């Protein structure tokens, strides 16, 4: 009777090592790969946000050009001590 119990325990241990463990690893790897990808709607939203941000940047450049044409010292009036060649909202700020 003890020999049968040992055989069953060994068979379950070997089965769990060679079947259960790879199944568990592959299951979570598959879940990780599915969660890490962007969906088509996510990509479309990112494209739209990129286009909007590009248009807003163009508008800001236009406003800065108009302001500079009307008053070349407007940047110094807004922020004293600032380099006048640097844009206000660009260059990593």
N, C-alpha and C. Protein backbone atom coordinates (compact mmCIF):
# COMPACT_ATOMS: atom_id res chain seq x y z
N UNK A 1 0.81 -1.19 0.00
CA UNK A 1 0.00 0.00 0.00
C UNK A 1 0.85 1.25 0.00
N UNK A 2 1.96 1.23 0.71
CA UNK A 2 2.85 2.36 0.76
C UNK A 2 3.53 2.57 -0.59
N UNK A 3 3.80 1.50 -1.29
CA UNK A 3 4.44 1.63 -2.60
C UNK A 3 3.51 2.32 -3.60
N UNK A 4 2.23 2.05 -3.51
CA UNK A 4 1.25 2.66 -4.43
C UNK A 4 1.14 4.16 -4.12
N UNK A 5 1.15 4.53 -2.87
CA UNK A 5 1.06 5.94 -2.48
C UNK A 5 2.28 6.71 -2.97
N UNK A 6 3.45 6.10 -2.85
CA UNK A 6 4.67 6.74 -3.31
C UNK A 6 4.64 6.91 -4.82
N UNK A 7 4.18 5.92 -5.54
CA UNK A 7 4.08 5.98 -7.00
C UNK A 7 3.10 7.09 -7.41
N UNK A 8 1.99 7.19 -6.70
CA UNK A 8 0.99 8.23 -7.02
C UNK A 8 1.57 9.62 -6.75
N UNK A 9 2.24 9.80 -5.63
CA UNK A 9 2.84 11.09 -5.29
C UNK A 9 3.91 11.46 -6.31
N UNK A 10 4.74 10.53 -6.69
CA UNK A 10 5.80 10.78 -7.69
C UNK A 10 5.16 11.10 -9.04
N UNK A 11 4.12 10.39 -9.43
CA UNK A 11 3.45 10.65 -10.71
C UNK A 11 2.81 12.04 -10.70
N UNK A 12 2.19 12.42 -9.60
CA UNK A 12 1.60 13.76 -9.50
C UNK A 12 2.68 14.84 -9.53
N UNK A 13 3.80 14.61 -8.87
CA UNK A 13 4.88 15.59 -8.87
C UNK A 13 5.46 15.75 -10.27
N UNK A 14 5.71 14.65 -10.94
CA UNK A 14 6.26 14.71 -12.30
C UNK A 14 5.23 15.34 -13.24
N UNK A 15 3.97 14.98 -13.08
CA UNK A 15 2.93 15.56 -13.92
C UNK A 15 2.80 17.06 -13.71
N UNK A 16 2.87 17.48 -12.47
CA UNK A 16 2.74 18.92 -12.22
C UNK A 16 3.97 19.68 -12.72
N UNK A 17 5.13 19.07 -12.68
CA UNK A 17 6.34 19.73 -13.17
C UNK A 17 6.31 19.83 -14.70
N UNK A 18 5.98 18.75 -15.38
CA UNK A 18 6.07 18.73 -16.84
C UNK A 18 4.79 19.16 -17.56
N UNK A 19 3.67 19.21 -16.86
CA UNK A 19 2.42 19.64 -17.49
C UNK A 19 1.91 20.93 -16.85
N UNK A 20 1.79 20.94 -15.56
CA UNK A 20 1.19 22.08 -14.87
C UNK A 20 2.03 23.34 -14.94
N UNK A 21 3.31 23.23 -14.70
CA UNK A 21 4.17 24.40 -14.69
C UNK A 21 4.27 25.04 -16.08
N UNK A 22 4.53 24.29 -17.16
CA UNK A 22 4.53 24.93 -18.48
C UNK A 22 3.18 25.54 -18.85
N UNK A 23 2.09 24.86 -18.49
CA UNK A 23 0.77 25.42 -18.77
C UNK A 23 0.61 26.76 -18.06
N UNK A 24 1.00 26.84 -16.80
CA UNK A 24 0.89 28.07 -16.03
C UNK A 24 1.75 29.18 -16.65
N UNK A 25 2.96 28.86 -17.03
CA UNK A 25 3.86 29.86 -17.64
C UNK A 25 3.29 30.34 -18.96
N UNK A 26 2.90 29.42 -19.84
CA UNK A 26 2.37 29.82 -21.15
C UNK A 26 1.05 30.59 -21.02
N UNK A 27 0.25 30.25 -20.04
CA UNK A 27 -1.00 30.96 -19.82
C UNK A 27 -0.73 32.43 -19.52
N UNK A 28 0.18 32.70 -18.58
CA UNK A 28 0.44 34.08 -18.20
C UNK A 28 1.27 34.83 -19.25
N UNK A 29 2.11 34.13 -19.99
CA UNK A 29 2.82 34.79 -21.09
C UNK A 29 1.82 35.24 -22.15
N UNK A 30 0.85 34.42 -22.46
CA UNK A 30 -0.18 34.78 -23.43
C UNK A 30 -0.99 35.97 -22.93
N UNK A 31 -1.38 35.96 -21.67
CA UNK A 31 -2.12 37.09 -21.10
C UNK A 31 -1.28 38.37 -21.16
N UNK A 32 0.01 38.26 -20.88
CA UNK A 32 0.90 39.42 -20.89
C UNK A 32 1.02 39.98 -22.30
N UNK A 33 1.15 39.12 -23.29
CA UNK A 33 1.27 39.59 -24.68
C UNK A 33 -0.03 40.25 -25.15
N UNK A 34 -1.16 39.74 -24.75
CA UNK A 34 -2.43 40.34 -25.15
C UNK A 34 -2.62 41.70 -24.50
N UNK A 35 -2.21 41.85 -23.28
CA UNK A 35 -2.40 43.11 -22.57
C UNK A 35 -1.41 44.18 -23.02
N UNK A 36 -0.27 43.78 -23.56
CA UNK A 36 0.78 44.73 -23.91
C UNK A 36 0.56 45.38 -25.27
N UNK A 37 -0.35 44.87 -26.06
CA UNK A 37 -0.52 45.42 -27.41
C UNK A 37 -1.59 46.50 -27.42
N UNK A 38 -1.44 47.41 -28.36
CA UNK A 38 -2.45 48.46 -28.56
C UNK A 38 -3.52 47.95 -29.51
N UNK A 39 -4.73 48.31 -29.25
CA UNK A 39 -5.81 47.94 -30.15
C UNK A 39 -5.86 48.95 -31.29
N UNK A 40 -6.64 48.64 -32.28
CA UNK A 40 -6.79 49.56 -33.41
C UNK A 40 -7.38 50.88 -33.00
N UNK A 41 -8.33 50.85 -32.08
CA UNK A 41 -8.93 52.10 -31.61
C UNK A 41 -7.93 52.92 -30.80
N UNK A 42 -7.04 52.25 -30.05
CA UNK A 42 -6.01 52.98 -29.32
C UNK A 42 -5.06 53.68 -30.27
N UNK A 43 -4.66 52.99 -31.33
CA UNK A 43 -3.76 53.59 -32.31
C UNK A 43 -4.43 54.77 -33.02
N UNK A 44 -5.71 54.62 -33.33
CA UNK A 44 -6.44 55.72 -33.98
C UNK A 44 -6.52 56.92 -33.04
N UNK A 45 -6.80 56.70 -31.77
CA UNK A 45 -6.86 57.78 -30.80
C UNK A 45 -5.51 58.47 -30.66
N UNK A 46 -4.43 57.70 -30.62
CA UNK A 46 -3.10 58.30 -30.53
C UNK A 46 -2.78 59.13 -31.77
N UNK A 47 -3.17 58.65 -32.94
CA UNK A 47 -2.96 59.43 -34.16
C UNK A 47 -3.73 60.74 -34.12
N UNK A 48 -4.98 60.68 -33.68
CA UNK A 48 -5.78 61.90 -33.58
C UNK A 48 -5.18 62.88 -32.58
N UNK A 49 -4.73 62.38 -31.43
CA UNK A 49 -4.11 63.26 -30.44
C UNK A 49 -2.83 63.87 -30.96
N UNK A 50 -2.07 63.11 -31.74
CA UNK A 50 -0.85 63.64 -32.33
C UNK A 50 -1.17 64.75 -33.32
N UNK A 51 -2.19 64.55 -34.14
CA UNK A 51 -2.59 65.58 -35.10
C UNK A 51 -3.06 66.85 -34.39
N UNK A 52 -3.85 66.68 -33.34
CA UNK A 52 -4.33 67.84 -32.59
C UNK A 52 -3.17 68.58 -31.95
N UNK A 53 -2.23 67.85 -31.38
CA UNK A 53 -1.10 68.52 -30.75
C UNK A 53 -0.24 69.24 -31.78
N UNK A 54 -0.09 68.67 -32.96
CA UNK A 54 0.67 69.33 -34.02
C UNK A 54 -0.03 70.62 -34.47
N UNK A 55 -1.37 70.57 -34.60
CA UNK A 55 -2.12 71.78 -34.99
C UNK A 55 -2.01 72.85 -33.91
N UNK A 56 -2.10 72.44 -32.64
CA UNK A 56 -1.97 73.41 -31.55
C UNK A 56 -0.58 74.03 -31.52
N UNK A 57 0.43 73.25 -31.81
CA UNK A 57 1.79 73.79 -31.87
C UNK A 57 1.92 74.79 -33.01
N UNK A 58 1.31 74.48 -34.15
CA UNK A 58 1.33 75.42 -35.28
C UNK A 58 0.61 76.72 -34.91
N UNK A 59 -0.51 76.61 -34.22
CA UNK A 59 -1.23 77.80 -33.79
C UNK A 59 -0.39 78.64 -32.83
N UNK A 60 0.28 77.97 -31.91
CA UNK A 60 1.13 78.68 -30.97
C UNK A 60 2.26 79.41 -31.70
N UNK A 61 2.86 78.76 -32.67
CA UNK A 61 3.91 79.41 -33.47
C UNK A 61 3.36 80.65 -34.18
N UNK A 62 2.17 80.53 -34.74
CA UNK A 62 1.55 81.66 -35.42
C UNK A 62 1.30 82.81 -34.45
N UNK A 63 0.77 82.50 -33.29
CA UNK A 63 0.51 83.54 -32.29
C UNK A 63 1.82 84.20 -31.86
N UNK A 64 2.86 83.41 -31.67
CA UNK A 64 4.14 83.98 -31.28
C UNK A 64 4.72 84.87 -32.37
N UNK A 65 4.55 84.48 -33.64
CA UNK A 65 5.02 85.33 -34.74
C UNK A 65 4.24 86.64 -34.80
N UNK A 66 2.94 86.57 -34.61
CA UNK A 66 2.12 87.79 -34.63
C UNK A 66 2.51 88.70 -33.47
N UNK A 67 2.67 88.12 -32.30
CA UNK A 67 3.05 88.91 -31.14
C UNK A 67 4.43 89.55 -31.34
N UNK A 68 5.36 88.82 -31.91
CA UNK A 68 6.71 89.35 -32.15
C UNK A 68 6.67 90.46 -33.19
N UNK A 69 5.80 90.32 -34.20
CA UNK A 69 5.69 91.36 -35.22
C UNK A 69 5.11 92.63 -34.62
N UNK A 70 4.15 92.51 -33.72
CA UNK A 70 3.52 93.69 -33.13
C UNK A 70 4.39 94.31 -32.03
N UNK A 71 5.02 93.47 -31.23
CA UNK A 71 5.84 93.97 -30.13
C UNK A 71 7.01 93.02 -29.95
N UNK A 72 8.21 93.38 -30.46
CA UNK A 72 9.35 92.46 -30.39
C UNK A 72 9.78 92.14 -28.96
N UNK A 73 9.44 92.95 -27.99
CA UNK A 73 9.86 92.72 -26.61
C UNK A 73 8.78 92.09 -25.74
N UNK A 74 7.79 91.50 -26.34
CA UNK A 74 6.69 90.95 -25.56
C UNK A 74 7.13 89.80 -24.66
N UNK A 75 8.12 89.03 -25.09
CA UNK A 75 8.59 87.92 -24.26
C UNK A 75 9.25 88.43 -22.98
N UNK A 76 10.04 89.47 -23.11
CA UNK A 76 10.69 90.04 -21.94
C UNK A 76 9.67 90.66 -20.99
N UNK A 77 8.58 91.17 -21.54
CA UNK A 77 7.54 91.75 -20.69
C UNK A 77 6.78 90.66 -19.94
N UNK A 78 6.61 89.51 -20.60
CA UNK A 78 5.91 88.39 -19.94
C UNK A 78 6.78 87.75 -18.86
N UNK A 79 8.01 87.45 -19.23
CA UNK A 79 8.92 86.77 -18.31
C UNK A 79 10.27 87.49 -18.33
N UNK A 80 10.49 88.42 -17.45
CA UNK A 80 11.77 89.13 -17.43
C UNK A 80 12.93 88.18 -17.16
N UNK A 81 14.04 88.42 -17.81
CA UNK A 81 15.22 87.58 -17.64
C UNK A 81 15.25 86.36 -18.52
N UNK A 82 14.30 86.19 -19.41
CA UNK A 82 14.22 85.02 -20.28
C UNK A 82 14.92 85.31 -21.60
N UNK A 83 15.53 84.29 -22.19
CA UNK A 83 16.19 84.41 -23.48
C UNK A 83 15.14 84.67 -24.56
N UNK A 84 15.22 85.77 -25.30
CA UNK A 84 14.17 86.10 -26.28
C UNK A 84 14.14 85.18 -27.49
N UNK A 85 15.17 84.37 -27.72
CA UNK A 85 15.15 83.47 -28.88
C UNK A 85 14.44 82.16 -28.57
N UNK A 86 14.15 81.90 -27.32
CA UNK A 86 13.51 80.65 -26.91
C UNK A 86 12.00 80.81 -26.88
N UNK A 87 11.28 79.83 -27.44
CA UNK A 87 9.82 79.86 -27.38
C UNK A 87 9.35 79.64 -25.95
N UNK A 88 8.16 80.14 -25.65
CA UNK A 88 7.66 80.04 -24.29
C UNK A 88 7.27 78.61 -23.90
N UNK A 89 6.55 77.90 -24.76
CA UNK A 89 6.01 76.59 -24.40
C UNK A 89 6.73 75.44 -25.08
N UNK A 90 7.82 75.69 -25.74
CA UNK A 90 8.54 74.63 -26.45
C UNK A 90 9.86 74.34 -25.74
N UNK A 91 10.65 73.52 -26.37
CA UNK A 91 12.00 73.20 -25.93
C UNK A 91 12.03 72.55 -24.56
N UNK A 92 11.13 71.61 -24.34
CA UNK A 92 11.17 70.80 -23.14
C UNK A 92 10.61 71.44 -21.89
N UNK A 93 9.88 72.51 -21.99
CA UNK A 93 9.30 73.12 -20.79
C UNK A 93 7.85 72.74 -20.66
